Amino acid sequence: MKDIKKMWMVTSDLNKFLIDALFDKDNGKVTHFRNNDEDDFYLSSDRNFFFSLEKEADEYIQQRLQFLKEKDEEVISLIEEMYFIEKENDAIKYKFKTLENMWVWCQDRGKERMEVQKENDRYANIVRRLCHALRSGYLNIDANTFQVKDVAQIKWFSCGKDEKGKKESVQLTLSNGKVLDINKHTELEILKYIYGDNESGYVYSKLDK
């Protein structure tokens, strides 16, 4: 038999709400709840906790918060240990789920997801353009499309990582004499995948006009 009564609900983020709880008298559990200003009930998660008194809800919040505070340093230490095992130990191939999914729990999860999605889209664009170059022999860089084999010379104005305060750039000279200045990050990555990076240690210098 089920009954509806006012209860305090504490969610997994330790927020509390006064709600209408659909209470199963036979097993003593809340199965559904609704907000005070709504008509529809929602199925309750096992991560929600229900209390008859606000005082009980507040006590649970403080106890749980204290428990998490005590675990704070321990969790950081464990994550650090996992990180160095994955990074430095080639004999251990295990991928820790904690490290793999840690970005999900960043403070600004919405912003983090957007950044990850943006980077995924960028790599998808790179792969698509590289596949097209492999199939057709034609490469699209900025607003120019030309044959991969038509690059006669590449001048590097940077080497390896960007110099501090100096934007990475290269200059392409095509077989017809046309010169292209490239400085966009994605375009440079595509060029490096096809023609290789500048490993010589030498770069060209542009004279200021």
Protein backbone atom coordinates (compact mmCIF):
# COMPACT_ATOMS: atom_id res chain seq x y z
CA MET A 1 0.00 0.00 0.00
CA LYS A 2 1.30 3.45 -0.93
CA ASP A 3 0.73 6.81 0.66
CA ILE A 4 1.67 10.42 -0.16
CA LYS A 5 3.36 12.52 2.48
CA LYS A 6 5.61 15.56 2.80
CA MET A 7 9.28 14.66 3.13
CA TRP A 8 12.71 16.22 2.74
CA MET A 9 14.74 14.87 -0.19
CA VAL A 10 18.54 15.17 -0.30
CA THR A 11 20.07 14.66 -3.75
CA SER A 12 23.55 13.40 -4.63
CA ASP A 13 24.90 16.98 -4.75
CA LEU A 14 23.68 17.46 -1.14
CA ASN A 15 20.89 19.86 -2.07
CA LYS A 16 17.65 19.42 -0.13
CA PHE A 17 14.06 19.88 -1.23
CA LEU A 18 10.66 19.66 0.43
CA ILE A 19 8.65 17.30 -1.78
CA ASP A 20 5.60 15.05 -1.94
CA ALA A 21 6.86 11.48 -1.57
CA LEU A 22 5.00 8.41 -2.78
CA PHE A 23 5.75 6.17 0.17
CA ASP A 24 5.44 2.36 0.10
CA LYS A 25 4.26 1.37 3.56
CA ASP A 26 5.05 -2.32 3.02
CA ASN A 27 8.81 -1.89 2.53
CA GLY A 28 9.28 1.60 3.98
CA LYS A 29 10.74 3.04 0.76
CA VAL A 30 9.98 6.09 -1.35
CA THR A 31 9.38 5.03 -4.95
CA HIS A 32 8.33 8.33 -6.56
CA PHE A 33 8.31 12.05 -5.73
CA ARG A 34 6.97 15.31 -7.05
CA ASN A 35 7.71 18.98 -6.43
CA ASN A 36 5.11 20.88 -4.49
CA ASP A 37 3.96 22.92 -7.48
CA GLU A 38 3.72 20.01 -9.92
CA ASP A 39 1.14 17.31 -10.64
CA ASP A 40 3.38 14.59 -12.08
CA PHE A 41 5.46 12.16 -10.03
CA TYR A 42 9.03 11.18 -10.94
CA LEU A 43 10.69 7.83 -10.36
CA SER A 44 13.20 8.21 -7.55
CA SER A 45 16.88 7.35 -7.94
CA ASP A 46 18.70 5.26 -5.36
CA ARG A 47 21.02 8.26 -4.96
CA ASN A 48 18.21 10.31 -3.42
CA PHE A 49 17.68 10.14 0.33
CA PHE A 50 14.41 10.97 2.12
CA PHE A 51 13.77 12.24 5.64
CA SER A 52 10.64 13.01 7.60
CA LEU A 53 12.21 15.98 9.39
CA GLU A 54 14.35 18.83 7.99
CA LYS A 55 16.67 18.39 10.97
CA GLU A 56 17.38 14.80 9.89
CA ALA A 57 18.13 15.96 6.34
CA ASP A 58 20.54 18.63 7.63
CA GLU A 59 22.30 16.07 9.85
CA TYR A 60 22.76 13.71 6.90
CA ILE A 61 24.19 16.52 4.75
CA GLN A 62 26.73 17.47 7.43
CA GLN A 63 27.74 13.85 8.07
CA ARG A 64 28.17 13.11 4.38
CA LEU A 65 30.09 16.34 3.81
CA GLN A 66 32.43 15.52 6.70
CA PHE A 67 33.03 12.05 5.26
CA LEU A 68 33.93 13.53 1.84
CA LYS A 69 36.24 16.12 3.40
CA GLU A 70 38.13 13.35 5.17
CA LYS A 71 38.52 11.49 1.85
CA ASP A 72 39.60 14.58 -0.09
CA GLU A 73 43.38 14.25 0.31
CA GLU A 74 43.23 10.47 -0.05
CA VAL A 75 41.40 10.70 -3.38
CA ILE A 76 43.91 13.23 -4.77
CA SER A 77 46.77 10.95 -3.72
CA LEU A 78 45.17 7.94 -5.42
CA ILE A 79 44.56 9.87 -8.65
CA GLU A 80 48.17 11.04 -8.65
CA GLU A 81 49.35 7.43 -8.19
CA MET A 82 47.14 6.20 -11.05
CA TYR A 83 48.38 8.99 -13.31
CA PHE A 84 52.07 8.15 -12.83
CA ILE A 85 51.45 4.41 -13.30
CA GLU A 86 49.78 5.06 -16.67
CA LYS A 87 52.36 7.64 -17.73
CA GLU A 88 55.60 6.06 -16.56
CA ASN A 89 55.07 2.27 -16.42
CA ASP A 90 55.01 0.71 -19.90
CA ALA A 91 54.70 -2.79 -18.45
CA ILE A 92 51.26 -2.04 -17.00
CA LYS A 93 48.68 -1.56 -19.75
CA TYR A 94 45.65 -1.04 -17.53
CA LYS A 95 43.64 2.14 -18.16
CA PHE A 96 42.14 3.55 -14.99
CA LYS A 97 38.49 4.52 -15.46
CA THR A 98 38.99 7.33 -12.95
CA LEU A 99 41.50 9.08 -15.21
CA GLU A 100 39.59 8.32 -18.39
CA ASN A 101 36.35 9.86 -17.13
CA MET A 102 37.71 12.49 -14.75
CA TRP A 103 36.85 15.41 -17.07
CA VAL A 104 33.15 14.59 -16.62
CA TRP A 105 33.33 15.69 -12.99
CA CYS A 106 35.13 19.00 -13.51
CA GLN A 107 33.62 21.97 -11.73
CA ASP A 108 32.35 23.47 -14.97
CA ARG A 109 31.23 20.28 -16.68
CA GLY A 110 29.22 22.07 -19.35
CA LYS A 111 32.20 24.12 -20.48
CA GLU A 112 34.48 21.08 -20.35
CA ARG A 113 32.14 19.02 -22.50
CA MET A 114 31.97 21.84 -25.03
CA GLU A 115 35.78 22.03 -25.20
CA VAL A 116 36.09 18.25 -25.63
CA GLN A 117 33.40 18.25 -28.32
CA LYS A 118 35.11 21.14 -30.09
CA GLU A 119 38.44 19.29 -30.09
CA ASN A 120 36.77 16.08 -31.30
CA ASP A 121 35.15 17.99 -34.16
CA ARG A 122 38.52 19.52 -35.06
CA TYR A 123 40.19 16.10 -35.26
CA ALA A 124 37.27 14.74 -37.27
CA ASN A 125 37.82 17.59 -39.73
CA ILE A 126 41.53 16.75 -39.96
CA VAL A 127 40.86 13.05 -40.55
CA ARG A 128 38.24 13.80 -43.20
CA ARG A 129 40.58 16.09 -45.12
CA LEU A 130 43.51 13.68 -44.86
CA CYS A 131 41.35 10.82 -46.15
CA HIS A 132 40.27 12.98 -49.09
CA ALA A 133 43.90 13.83 -49.85
CA LEU A 134 44.81 10.13 -49.74
CA ARG A 135 41.97 9.13 -52.08
CA SER A 136 42.09 11.97 -54.58
CA GLY A 137 45.61 13.35 -54.31
CA TYR A 138 44.19 16.83 -53.69
CA LEU A 139 44.70 18.83 -50.50
CA ASN A 140 42.58 21.71 -49.22
CA ILE A 141 44.42 24.29 -47.10
CA ASP A 142 42.61 27.50 -46.17
CA ALA A 143 40.79 28.56 -49.35
CA ASN A 144 43.20 26.75 -51.67
CA THR A 145 42.93 23.26 -53.17
CA PHE A 146 45.95 21.80 -54.95
CA GLN A 147 47.59 18.46 -55.64
CA VAL A 148 49.70 17.05 -52.81
CA LYS A 149 52.59 16.55 -55.26
CA ASP A 150 52.44 20.22 -56.39
CA VAL A 151 54.14 21.53 -53.24
CA ALA A 152 57.62 22.48 -54.46
CA GLN A 153 58.98 23.99 -51.22
CA ILE A 154 58.03 24.48 -47.59
CA LYS A 155 59.67 27.26 -45.59
CA TRP A 156 59.40 26.88 -41.82
CA PHE A 157 59.27 30.01 -39.71
CA SER A 158 59.14 28.02 -36.49
CA CYS A 159 60.56 24.75 -35.23
CA GLY A 160 58.82 22.28 -32.93
CA LYS A 161 56.81 24.06 -30.26
CA ASP A 162 55.76 27.66 -30.78
CA GLU A 163 58.36 30.16 -29.71
CA LYS A 164 57.13 32.32 -26.83
CA GLY A 165 55.26 35.28 -28.22
CA LYS A 166 55.75 34.10 -31.83
CA LYS A 167 52.99 32.47 -33.84
CA GLU A 168 53.88 29.27 -35.67
CA SER A 169 53.77 29.61 -39.47
CA VAL A 170 55.01 28.08 -42.70
CA GLN A 171 55.17 29.23 -46.31
CA LEU A 172 54.27 26.89 -49.17
CA THR A 173 55.50 27.42 -52.70
CA LEU A 174 53.55 25.48 -55.33
CA SER A 175 54.99 24.20 -58.60
CA ASN A 176 53.21 27.02 -60.48
CA GLY A 177 55.02 29.60 -58.33
CA LYS A 178 52.06 30.53 -56.13
CA VAL A 179 53.03 31.23 -52.51
CA LEU A 180 50.77 30.42 -49.55
CA ASP A 181 51.32 31.66 -45.99
CA ILE A 182 49.83 29.24 -43.45
CA ASN A 183 49.51 29.99 -39.73
CA LYS A 184 46.29 28.32 -38.55
CA HIS A 185 46.77 25.50 -36.05
CA THR A 186 44.58 22.93 -37.82
CA GLU A 187 46.02 23.70 -41.26
CA LEU A 188 49.57 23.33 -39.91
CA GLU A 189 48.72 19.98 -38.34
CA ILE A 190 47.43 18.68 -41.69
CA LEU A 191 50.60 19.79 -43.45
CA LYS A 192 52.76 18.08 -40.80
CA TYR A 193 50.82 14.81 -41.19
CA ILE A 194 51.47 14.83 -44.95
CA TYR A 195 54.91 16.39 -45.32
CA GLY A 196 56.41 15.86 -41.87
CA ASP A 197 57.53 18.32 -39.21
CA ASN A 198 60.61 20.53 -39.26
CA GLU A 199 63.19 18.45 -37.36
CA SER A 200 66.27 20.28 -38.63
CA GLY A 201 66.51 22.84 -35.86
CA TYR A 202 66.71 25.67 -38.41
CA VAL A 203 64.02 28.15 -39.42
CA TYR A 204 63.57 31.07 -41.79
CA SER A 205 63.32 34.59 -40.42
CA LYS A 206 60.88 37.16 -41.79
CA LEU A 207 62.32 40.65 -42.06
CA ASP A 208 60.07 43.34 -40.62
CA LYS A 209 58.98 45.78 -43.25
